[in-house]
Amino acid sequence: MYSIIETAKENNLKPYNYLQYLFEQLPNINTDDEAAIENLMPWSDALPAYCRMPQPSQ
């Protein structure tokens, strides 16, 4: 669990939101589908915006 949280932080995700998203999605996907699993990884661009930390304006 610690590893998942720290990896989420390193990828600019909100750990609580990311874990909530994982717990909602994992029961509903085919775990044999590598693309589906890849979309859940903390570095995936497919994650919803509410899982991401706001980026500072430039």
N, C-alpha and C. Protein backbone atom coordinates (compact mmCIF):
# COMPACT_ATOMS: atom_id res chain seq x y z
N MET A 1 0.83 -1.18 0.00
CA MET A 1 0.00 0.00 0.00
C MET A 1 0.88 1.25 0.00
N TYR A 2 1.92 1.24 0.81
CA TYR A 2 2.83 2.38 0.88
C TYR A 2 3.44 2.65 -0.50
N SER A 3 3.83 1.61 -1.18
CA SER A 3 4.43 1.75 -2.50
C SER A 3 3.46 2.38 -3.50
N ILE A 4 2.21 1.98 -3.47
CA ILE A 4 1.21 2.55 -4.36
C ILE A 4 1.02 4.03 -4.08
N ILE A 5 0.94 4.39 -2.81
CA ILE A 5 0.74 5.78 -2.42
C ILE A 5 1.93 6.64 -2.84
N GLU A 6 3.13 6.16 -2.57
CA GLU A 6 4.32 6.93 -2.92
C GLU A 6 4.49 7.06 -4.43
N THR A 7 4.15 6.03 -5.18
CA THR A 7 4.23 6.09 -6.64
C THR A 7 3.19 7.08 -7.17
N ALA A 8 2.02 7.10 -6.56
CA ALA A 8 1.00 8.08 -6.95
C ALA A 8 1.52 9.50 -6.72
N LYS A 9 2.13 9.74 -5.57
CA LYS A 9 2.68 11.07 -5.28
C LYS A 9 3.74 11.46 -6.30
N GLU A 10 4.61 10.53 -6.65
CA GLU A 10 5.68 10.81 -7.61
C GLU A 10 5.13 11.14 -9.00
N ASN A 11 3.93 10.67 -9.28
CA ASN A 11 3.30 10.93 -10.57
C ASN A 11 2.26 12.04 -10.49
N ASN A 12 2.38 12.87 -9.44
CA ASN A 12 1.51 14.04 -9.25
C ASN A 12 0.03 13.69 -9.17
N LEU A 13 -0.26 12.61 -8.46
CA LEU A 13 -1.65 12.21 -8.24
C LEU A 13 -2.03 12.48 -6.79
N LYS A 14 -3.31 12.64 -6.57
CA LYS A 14 -3.85 12.73 -5.21
C LYS A 14 -4.04 11.29 -4.75
N PRO A 15 -3.25 10.84 -3.78
CA PRO A 15 -3.29 9.43 -3.39
C PRO A 15 -4.68 8.92 -3.01
N TYR A 16 -5.43 9.69 -2.24
CA TYR A 16 -6.76 9.23 -1.83
C TYR A 16 -7.67 9.03 -3.05
N ASN A 17 -7.69 10.02 -3.93
CA ASN A 17 -8.53 9.94 -5.12
C ASN A 17 -8.10 8.79 -6.03
N TYR A 18 -6.80 8.62 -6.17
CA TYR A 18 -6.27 7.54 -7.01
C TYR A 18 -6.67 6.17 -6.44
N LEU A 19 -6.51 5.98 -5.14
CA LEU A 19 -6.89 4.71 -4.53
C LEU A 19 -8.39 4.46 -4.66
N GLN A 20 -9.17 5.49 -4.45
CA GLN A 20 -10.62 5.36 -4.61
C GLN A 20 -10.96 4.93 -6.04
N TYR A 21 -10.32 5.56 -7.02
CA TYR A 21 -10.54 5.20 -8.42
C TYR A 21 -10.15 3.75 -8.67
N LEU A 22 -9.00 3.32 -8.15
CA LEU A 22 -8.57 1.92 -8.32
C LEU A 22 -9.59 0.96 -7.73
N PHE A 23 -10.05 1.25 -6.52
CA PHE A 23 -11.00 0.35 -5.86
C PHE A 23 -12.34 0.29 -6.59
N GLU A 24 -12.69 1.36 -7.28
CA GLU A 24 -13.92 1.36 -8.07
C GLU A 24 -13.74 0.60 -9.39
N GLN A 25 -12.57 0.73 -10.00
CA GLN A 25 -12.35 0.17 -11.33
C GLN A 25 -11.89 -1.30 -11.33
N LEU A 26 -11.06 -1.67 -10.41
CA LEU A 26 -10.47 -3.02 -10.43
C LEU A 26 -11.50 -4.16 -10.44
N PRO A 27 -12.59 -4.08 -9.70
CA PRO A 27 -13.55 -5.19 -9.75
C PRO A 27 -14.25 -5.33 -11.11
N ASN A 28 -14.18 -4.30 -11.94
CA ASN A 28 -14.93 -4.27 -13.18
C ASN A 28 -14.11 -4.49 -14.44
N ILE A 29 -12.82 -4.79 -14.30
CA ILE A 29 -12.00 -4.96 -15.50
C ILE A 29 -11.52 -6.40 -15.61
N ASN A 30 -11.17 -6.76 -16.82
CA ASN A 30 -10.57 -8.06 -17.10
C ASN A 30 -9.08 -7.95 -16.80
N THR A 31 -8.61 -8.60 -15.77
CA THR A 31 -7.21 -8.49 -15.37
C THR A 31 -6.26 -9.17 -16.34
N ASP A 32 -6.79 -9.91 -17.30
CA ASP A 32 -5.95 -10.49 -18.35
C ASP A 32 -5.68 -9.49 -19.47
N ASP A 33 -6.42 -8.38 -19.47
CA ASP A 33 -6.27 -7.36 -20.49
C ASP A 33 -5.18 -6.38 -20.07
N GLU A 34 -4.01 -6.50 -20.70
CA GLU A 34 -2.87 -5.66 -20.33
C GLU A 34 -3.15 -4.18 -20.54
N ALA A 35 -3.89 -3.84 -21.57
CA ALA A 35 -4.21 -2.43 -21.84
C ALA A 35 -5.08 -1.85 -20.72
N ALA A 36 -6.01 -2.64 -20.23
CA ALA A 36 -6.88 -2.17 -19.14
C ALA A 36 -6.07 -1.93 -17.87
N ILE A 37 -5.15 -2.82 -17.59
CA ILE A 37 -4.27 -2.66 -16.42
C ILE A 37 -3.37 -1.44 -16.60
N GLU A 38 -2.83 -1.28 -17.79
CA GLU A 38 -1.94 -0.15 -18.06
C GLU A 38 -2.67 1.18 -17.85
N ASN A 39 -3.95 1.24 -18.17
CA ASN A 39 -4.73 2.47 -17.98
C ASN A 39 -4.92 2.83 -16.51
N LEU A 40 -4.67 1.90 -15.61
CA LEU A 40 -4.81 2.15 -14.18
C LEU A 40 -3.49 2.53 -13.51
N MET A 41 -2.40 2.43 -14.23
CA MET A 41 -1.09 2.74 -13.66
C MET A 41 -0.99 4.23 -13.36
N PRO A 42 -0.23 4.60 -12.33
CA PRO A 42 -0.18 6.01 -11.93
C PRO A 42 0.41 6.94 -12.99
N TRP A 43 1.11 6.42 -13.95
CA TRP A 43 1.70 7.25 -15.01
C TRP A 43 0.80 7.32 -16.25
N SER A 44 -0.35 6.69 -16.19
CA SER A 44 -1.25 6.65 -17.34
C SER A 44 -1.93 7.99 -17.60
N ASP A 45 -2.01 8.36 -18.86
CA ASP A 45 -2.74 9.57 -19.25
C ASP A 45 -4.25 9.34 -19.22
N ALA A 46 -4.67 8.08 -19.09
CA ALA A 46 -6.10 7.74 -19.09
C ALA A 46 -6.78 7.98 -17.74
N LEU A 47 -6.02 8.29 -16.72
CA LEU A 47 -6.62 8.52 -15.40
C LEU A 47 -7.46 9.80 -15.43
N PRO A 48 -8.54 9.82 -14.68
CA PRO A 48 -9.39 11.02 -14.68
C PRO A 48 -8.70 12.21 -14.01
N ALA A 49 -9.13 13.38 -14.39
CA ALA A 49 -8.52 14.62 -13.89
C ALA A 49 -8.61 14.76 -12.38
N TYR A 50 -9.69 14.25 -11.77
CA TYR A 50 -9.83 14.42 -10.32
C TYR A 50 -8.78 13.63 -9.53
N CYS A 51 -8.06 12.75 -10.19
CA CYS A 51 -6.97 12.02 -9.52
C CYS A 51 -5.66 12.81 -9.54
N ARG A 52 -5.58 13.81 -10.38
CA ARG A 52 -4.33 14.55 -10.57
C ARG A 52 -4.25 15.79 -9.66
N MET A 53 -3.03 16.09 -9.26
CA MET A 53 -2.77 17.32 -8.51
C MET A 53 -2.87 18.50 -9.46
N PRO A 54 -3.38 19.63 -9.00
CA PRO A 54 -3.41 20.81 -9.88
C PRO A 54 -1.99 21.25 -10.20
N GLN A 55 -1.78 21.60 -11.44
CA GLN A 55 -0.46 22.08 -11.86
C GLN A 55 -0.40 23.60 -11.71
N PRO A 56 0.75 24.10 -11.25
CA PRO A 56 0.86 25.55 -11.09
C PRO A 56 0.78 26.26 -12.45
N SER A 57 0.17 27.42 -12.45
CA SER A 57 0.07 28.22 -13.68
C SER A 57 1.41 28.78 -14.02
N GLN A 58 1.66 28.90 -15.32
CA GLN A 58 2.96 29.46 -15.74
C GLN A 58 2.81 30.83 -16.30
